[in-house]
Amino acid sequence: MRLIQYRQGDRPAVAVLEDGAMGERLAAASLYDLAWDAISRGVLLTEAVLASRTGEPVDARELVREGLLALPVTHADPAHCLVTGTGLTHLGSAAGRDAMHRKALEDEAATDSMKMFRMGLEGGKPAAGSVGVQPEWFYKGDGSTLRASGEALASPGFAQDGGEEPEIAGVYLVGPDGTPFRLGFCLANEFSDHVTEKGNYLWLAHSKLRNAALGPELFVGELPDHVEGVSRIRRGGQTVFEKPFLSGEANMSHSIANLEHHHFKYDLFRRPGDLHIHFFGTATLSFSDGFAAKEGDVFEIEAAPFLLPLTNALRLEAERGLQMVRAL
């Protein structure tokens, strides 16, 4: 099942896609409200969707043409939507990171990136009911940093780079008793500043405080073990970079359950009513291949089981200069 949000006049609307791009509008005011109702009544999200059908047809591709698609899920208060992620979780993901940081070493000792990756290979997929090794974790911002397909990804004036990271994100809503519920999965672009990260590994946290984009669809159900997609960059209508990427647990060094445990083990992240967008990582970056995106370039990411691509242009913001703090 695939759910979308879109703009209908001056109001948000929700639809379920059933036959390709064709779907049906739901009576729910928002996907958040629909999910909260399902949690409150103790039913599955799919059951809540069936009970909310209106019979009004919706054409997702027409919504794309009209620029009416929105983020698949939002919180009324963006401060209560936390955007986070994990890295070094995919097979092959250590290669680019290791090369990025190896120049800082004078010997052949493994970098921290490679050590972390090996820990995931050895203990990232524990037996059911067991706790595996914790992954790398980072914070990207709150809901205000998220961009829908078709919206620009802004690179701040102080940034040294703005590069794509094609991946899958999990979407979660914390119930009234503090239990996290996974609503589904989205195609995602975990946009980052790789030049800043390359300068010093301890700047990783700075490099992640950027916009991020979510694809139009929330895929409800279990993510396939093997997800295969394509990440490309267009410049002036021409494709200047294209590369396949893989996701799904068959291509990961951590299980999704292990990544979820190590995020939600913190009381801070089990606050009732909070929405969480958690990026699962990638092994494919144009930056690792020596490509540098320019203003106006368009990042395009597509992958089954998602029907609609995620498309965002790169926009460079002006430098704002020194930020002054006033004593009160």
Protein backbone atom coordinates (compact mmCIF):
# COMPACT_ATOMS: atom_id res chain seq x y z
CA MET A 1 0.00 0.00 0.00
CA ARG A 2 1.24 3.49 -0.89
CA LEU A 3 -0.04 6.70 0.72
CA ILE A 4 0.51 10.27 -0.47
CA GLN A 5 -0.29 13.76 0.78
CA TYR A 6 -1.14 16.60 -1.58
CA ARG A 7 -2.62 20.08 -1.63
CA GLN A 8 -6.32 20.40 -2.45
CA GLY A 9 -7.14 24.08 -2.57
CA ASP A 10 -5.99 25.59 0.71
CA ARG A 11 -6.17 22.28 2.58
CA PRO A 12 -4.00 19.17 2.78
CA ALA A 13 -5.42 15.90 1.51
CA VAL A 14 -4.46 12.23 1.73
CA ALA A 15 -4.85 9.48 -0.86
CA VAL A 16 -4.09 5.78 -1.21
CA LEU A 17 -2.54 4.61 -4.50
CA GLU A 18 -3.82 1.25 -5.68
CA ASP A 19 -3.52 0.85 -9.44
CA GLY A 20 -0.21 2.41 -10.39
CA ALA A 21 -0.56 6.18 -10.17
CA MET A 22 -4.31 6.03 -9.76
CA GLY A 23 -5.75 6.15 -6.27
CA GLU A 24 -8.52 7.33 -4.01
CA ARG A 25 -8.79 10.29 -1.65
CA LEU A 26 -9.20 9.46 2.02
CA ALA A 27 -11.42 11.29 4.49
CA ALA A 28 -8.55 11.87 6.93
CA ALA A 29 -7.30 15.44 7.23
CA SER A 30 -3.65 14.31 7.22
CA LEU A 31 -1.59 11.15 7.25
CA TYR A 32 -0.52 11.99 10.80
CA ASP A 33 -4.16 12.13 11.92
CA LEU A 34 -4.89 8.86 10.13
CA ALA A 35 -1.96 7.11 11.85
CA TRP A 36 -2.77 8.57 15.27
CA ASP A 37 -6.36 7.36 14.92
CA ALA A 38 -5.14 3.86 14.04
CA ILE A 39 -2.83 3.78 17.08
CA SER A 40 -5.56 5.09 19.38
CA ARG A 41 -8.06 2.46 18.17
CA GLY A 42 -5.51 -0.36 18.19
CA VAL A 43 -5.87 -1.18 14.48
CA LEU A 44 -3.39 -1.46 11.63
CA LEU A 45 -2.77 1.55 9.43
CA THR A 46 -4.11 -0.43 6.46
CA GLU A 47 -7.40 -0.94 8.33
CA ALA A 48 -7.65 2.78 9.08
CA VAL A 49 -7.08 3.50 5.38
CA LEU A 50 -9.90 1.19 4.31
CA ALA A 51 -12.28 2.84 6.77
CA SER A 52 -11.35 6.30 5.44
CA ARG A 53 -12.02 5.74 1.72
CA THR A 54 -14.20 8.33 -0.01
CA GLY A 55 -14.51 6.97 -3.54
CA GLU A 56 -13.04 10.17 -5.02
CA PRO A 57 -10.41 9.29 -7.67
CA VAL A 58 -6.91 10.74 -7.52
CA ASP A 59 -4.26 10.72 -10.27
CA ALA A 60 -0.79 11.00 -8.67
CA ARG A 61 0.95 11.81 -11.97
CA GLU A 62 -1.44 14.69 -12.55
CA LEU A 63 -0.61 15.96 -9.05
CA VAL A 64 3.09 15.80 -10.01
CA ARG A 65 2.45 17.81 -13.20
CA GLU A 66 0.51 20.43 -11.24
CA GLY A 67 3.14 20.62 -8.47
CA LEU A 68 0.61 19.66 -5.79
CA LEU A 69 2.40 16.74 -4.14
CA ALA A 70 3.55 17.40 -0.58
CA LEU A 71 5.69 15.56 1.95
CA PRO A 72 4.07 12.19 2.62
CA VAL A 73 3.76 12.96 6.35
CA THR A 74 4.22 16.07 8.49
CA HIS A 75 3.72 17.17 12.09
CA ALA A 76 1.67 20.29 12.84
CA ASP A 77 4.62 21.46 14.98
CA PRO A 78 7.88 20.83 13.04
CA ALA A 79 9.83 20.89 16.33
CA HIS A 80 8.11 17.59 17.20
CA CYS A 81 9.41 15.89 14.05
CA LEU A 82 12.97 14.62 14.55
CA VAL A 83 15.12 13.88 11.50
CA THR A 84 18.03 11.50 12.18
CA GLY A 85 20.04 8.81 10.47
CA THR A 86 22.67 6.11 10.54
CA GLY A 87 25.75 5.65 8.39
CA LEU A 88 28.09 2.81 7.43
CA THR A 89 25.11 0.46 7.37
CA HIS A 90 25.30 -0.81 3.79
CA LEU A 91 27.68 -3.32 2.22
CA GLY A 92 30.33 -1.27 0.46
CA SER A 93 29.48 1.91 2.35
CA ALA A 94 32.82 1.96 4.14
CA ALA A 95 34.88 2.26 0.94
CA GLY A 96 34.10 5.89 0.20
CA ARG A 97 34.17 6.96 3.83
CA ASP A 98 37.45 5.14 4.49
CA ALA A 99 39.10 6.76 1.46
CA MET A 100 37.76 10.13 2.60
CA HIS A 101 39.46 9.89 5.97
CA ARG A 102 42.57 7.79 5.23
CA LYS A 103 44.65 10.77 4.12
CA ALA A 104 44.57 12.02 7.69
CA LEU A 105 46.48 8.91 8.82
CA GLU A 106 50.21 8.39 8.52
CA ASP A 107 50.12 4.62 8.99
CA GLU A 108 48.06 1.74 7.68
CA ALA A 109 45.84 1.43 10.76
CA ALA A 110 42.14 1.07 10.01
CA THR A 111 40.19 4.28 10.15
CA ASP A 112 37.35 4.66 12.64
CA SER A 113 34.98 4.38 9.67
CA MET A 114 36.35 0.97 8.72
CA LYS A 115 36.29 -0.19 12.34
CA MET A 116 32.65 0.85 12.64
CA PHE A 117 31.77 -0.88 9.40
CA ARG A 118 33.44 -4.11 10.49
CA MET A 119 31.57 -3.98 13.80
CA GLY A 120 28.33 -3.85 11.80
CA LEU A 121 29.35 -6.81 9.66
CA GLU A 122 30.10 -8.85 12.76
CA GLY A 123 27.21 -7.81 15.00
CA GLY A 124 24.71 -5.67 13.13
CA LYS A 125 22.24 -8.46 12.43
CA PRO A 126 21.59 -10.16 15.77
CA ALA A 127 19.21 -13.07 16.24
CA ALA A 128 15.57 -12.15 16.82
CA GLY A 129 15.10 -10.85 20.35
CA SER A 130 18.78 -9.97 20.75
CA VAL A 131 20.56 -6.61 20.72
CA GLY A 132 23.25 -6.08 18.12
CA VAL A 133 26.13 -3.62 17.94
CA GLN A 134 25.11 0.04 17.79
CA PRO A 135 25.61 1.89 14.50
CA GLU A 136 26.90 5.35 13.77
CA TRP A 137 24.09 7.87 14.48
CA PHE A 138 23.56 11.50 13.52
CA TYR A 139 21.02 14.31 13.82
CA LYS A 140 19.86 16.26 10.76
CA GLY A 141 17.32 18.64 12.25
CA ASP A 142 13.61 18.91 12.86
CA GLY A 143 10.67 18.80 10.45
CA SER A 144 11.48 22.25 9.07
CA THR A 145 14.52 20.81 7.28
CA LEU A 146 12.49 18.36 5.16
CA ARG A 147 11.70 19.08 1.52
CA ALA A 148 9.13 17.44 -0.73
CA SER A 149 9.82 16.16 -4.23
CA GLY A 150 9.99 19.14 -6.58
CA GLU A 151 11.29 21.52 -3.90
CA ALA A 152 14.87 22.80 -3.89
CA LEU A 153 17.53 21.58 -1.48
CA ALA A 154 19.26 24.65 -0.08
CA SER A 155 22.99 24.58 0.56
CA PRO A 156 23.89 27.31 3.10
CA GLY A 157 26.41 30.00 2.22
CA PHE A 158 29.01 28.58 4.61
CA ALA A 159 28.79 25.07 3.10
CA GLN A 160 31.64 23.68 1.04
CA ASP A 161 29.56 21.13 -0.86
CA GLY A 162 26.01 19.98 -1.40
CA GLY A 163 25.78 16.36 -2.47
CA GLU A 164 23.08 13.71 -2.71
CA GLU A 165 22.75 10.50 -0.69
CA PRO A 166 20.11 8.18 -2.18
CA GLU A 167 18.56 5.95 0.46
CA ILE A 168 15.49 4.73 2.30
CA ALA A 169 14.02 6.40 5.39
CA GLY A 170 11.73 4.90 8.01
CA VAL A 171 8.78 6.94 9.27
CA TYR A 172 7.64 6.51 12.89
CA LEU A 173 4.99 7.91 15.21
CA VAL A 174 5.28 7.52 18.99
CA GLY A 175 2.02 6.38 20.56
CA PRO A 176 0.34 7.64 23.74
CA ASP A 177 2.21 5.16 25.95
CA GLY A 178 5.64 5.86 24.40
CA THR A 179 5.61 2.93 21.98
CA PRO A 180 7.13 3.78 18.58
CA PHE A 181 5.06 2.64 15.58
CA ARG A 182 6.60 2.33 12.13
CA LEU A 183 4.18 3.83 9.59
CA GLY A 184 6.25 2.80 6.58
CA PHE A 185 9.18 3.72 4.36
CA CYS A 186 10.02 6.57 1.98
CA LEU A 187 12.49 7.06 -0.82
CA ALA A 188 14.90 9.73 0.43
CA ASN A 189 17.81 12.04 -0.33
CA GLU A 190 19.93 12.56 2.78
CA PHE A 191 21.62 15.65 1.35
CA SER A 192 25.00 16.41 3.04
CA ASP A 193 28.22 18.45 2.84
CA HIS A 194 30.89 15.86 2.04
CA VAL A 195 33.76 18.33 1.66
CA THR A 196 33.24 19.53 5.23
CA GLU A 197 33.13 15.94 6.46
CA LYS A 198 36.29 15.09 4.54
CA GLY A 199 38.14 17.96 6.20
CA ASN A 200 37.85 16.32 9.62
CA TYR A 201 35.80 13.34 10.72
CA LEU A 202 34.69 15.27 13.81
CA TRP A 203 32.90 17.70 11.47
CA LEU A 204 30.49 14.93 10.47
CA ALA A 205 27.84 16.43 12.77
CA HIS A 206 28.19 19.82 11.02
CA SER A 207 28.03 18.23 7.57
CA LYS A 208 24.66 16.61 8.31
CA LEU A 209 22.82 19.77 9.40
CA ARG A 210 21.30 20.35 5.99
CA ASN A 211 18.00 19.91 4.18
CA ALA A 212 16.81 16.41 3.39
CA ALA A 213 14.15 15.26 0.93
CA LEU A 214 11.48 12.57 1.13
CA GLY A 215 9.86 10.93 -1.87
CA PRO A 216 6.12 11.43 -2.39
CA GLU A 217 5.01 7.97 -1.23
CA LEU A 218 4.82 6.30 2.15
CA PHE A 219 5.23 2.58 1.45
CA VAL A 220 3.20 0.73 4.08
CA GLY A 221 4.36 -2.79 4.95
CA GLU A 222 7.68 -4.59 5.12
CA LEU A 223 10.48 -3.19 2.97
CA PRO A 224 11.71 -5.77 0.41
CA ASP A 225 15.04 -7.35 1.33
CA HIS A 226 16.49 -6.17 -1.97
CA VAL A 227 15.84 -2.62 -3.15
CA GLU A 228 17.52 -1.56 -6.38
CA GLY A 229 17.37 1.98 -7.70
CA VAL A 230 19.16 4.64 -9.71
CA SER A 231 20.60 7.96 -8.60
CA ARG A 232 21.24 10.55 -11.28
CA ILE A 233 22.09 14.22 -11.61
CA ARG A 234 20.81 16.34 -14.48
CA ARG A 235 22.37 19.61 -15.61
CA GLY A 236 20.64 21.70 -18.22
CA GLY A 237 18.43 18.77 -19.12
CA GLN A 238 21.39 16.43 -19.66
CA THR A 239 22.34 13.53 -17.38
CA VAL A 240 25.84 14.27 -16.05
CA PHE A 241 25.97 11.54 -13.39
CA GLU A 242 24.14 8.24 -13.05
CA LYS A 243 24.77 5.24 -10.83
CA PRO A 244 22.71 2.38 -9.40
CA PHE A 245 22.27 2.03 -5.65
CA LEU A 246 21.14 -0.83 -3.43
CA SER A 247 19.26 -0.95 -0.15
CA GLY A 248 17.14 -3.41 1.80
CA GLU A 249 18.47 -5.76 4.46
CA ALA A 250 20.11 -8.10 1.91
CA ASN A 251 22.45 -5.22 1.07
CA MET A 252 22.94 -3.93 4.62
CA SER A 253 25.35 -4.78 7.42
CA HIS A 254 22.67 -3.96 10.01
CA SER A 255 19.10 -5.17 10.28
CA ILE A 256 16.42 -2.49 10.28
CA ALA A 257 15.25 -3.80 13.67
CA ASN A 258 18.73 -3.22 15.10
CA LEU A 259 18.85 0.34 13.75
CA GLU A 260 15.40 0.98 15.21
CA HIS A 261 16.36 -0.39 18.62
CA HIS A 262 19.45 1.79 18.91
CA HIS A 263 17.43 4.89 18.04
CA PHE A 264 14.40 4.31 20.22
CA LYS A 265 16.32 2.93 23.21
CA TYR A 266 16.62 6.56 24.33
CA ASP A 267 13.71 7.88 26.41
CA LEU A 268 14.09 11.21 24.60
CA PHE A 269 12.93 9.56 21.37
CA ARG A 270 9.83 7.91 22.85
CA ARG A 271 7.87 11.10 23.59
CA PRO A 272 4.17 10.54 22.78
CA GLY A 273 3.00 12.28 19.62
CA ASP A 274 6.46 12.86 18.14
CA LEU A 275 7.13 12.00 14.52
CA HIS A 276 10.51 10.50 13.56
CA ILE A 277 12.14 10.33 10.12
CA HIS A 278 15.17 8.04 10.28
CA PHE A 279 17.55 7.60 7.32
CA PHE A 280 19.06 4.12 6.95
CA GLY A 281 22.21 5.00 4.98
CA THR A 282 23.65 4.39 1.53
CA ALA A 283 26.75 3.14 -0.27
CA THR A 284 26.42 5.38 -3.34
CA LEU A 285 27.56 9.01 -3.55
CA SER A 286 28.51 11.04 -6.61
CA PHE A 287 31.10 12.76 -4.38
CA SER A 288 32.95 9.45 -3.97
CA ASP A 289 33.34 9.38 -7.75
CA GLY A 290 34.83 12.87 -7.82
CA PHE A 291 31.65 14.62 -8.98
CA ALA A 292 30.74 18.06 -7.63
CA ALA A 293 27.16 19.29 -8.01
CA LYS A 294 26.51 22.87 -9.14
CA GLU A 295 23.65 25.26 -8.49
CA GLY A 296 20.65 24.33 -10.61
CA ASP A 297 21.64 20.66 -10.88
CA VAL A 298 18.71 18.33 -10.33
CA PHE A 299 19.04 15.23 -8.16
CA GLU A 300 16.74 12.42 -9.27
CA ILE A 301 16.32 9.20 -7.30
CA GLU A 302 14.06 6.30 -8.20
CA ALA A 303 13.69 2.74 -6.94
CA ALA A 304 11.13 -0.03 -6.77
CA PRO A 305 8.86 -0.56 -4.86
CA PHE A 306 8.31 3.21 -5.06
CA LEU A 307 6.35 4.37 -8.09
CA LEU A 308 7.21 8.08 -8.19
CA PRO A 309 10.76 9.46 -8.37
CA LEU A 310 12.23 11.94 -5.89
CA THR A 311 13.43 15.06 -7.69
CA ASN A 312 15.09 18.13 -6.14
CA ALA A 313 17.19 20.94 -7.56
CA LEU A 314 20.27 22.31 -5.78
CA ARG A 315 20.03 25.93 -4.64
CA LEU A 316 22.98 27.84 -3.16
CA GLU A 317 22.20 30.37 -0.46
CA ALA A 318 24.16 33.58 0.08
CA GLU A 319 26.74 33.79 2.86
CA ARG A 320 25.21 35.52 5.89
CA GLY A 321 28.47 36.44 7.58
CA LEU A 322 29.31 36.34 11.27
CA GLN A 323 26.39 35.41 13.50
CA MET A 324 26.40 37.71 16.50
CA VAL A 325 24.90 36.88 19.90
CA ARG A 326 23.64 39.71 22.08
CA ALA A 327 23.98 39.66 25.82
CA LEU A 328 20.64 40.21 27.59
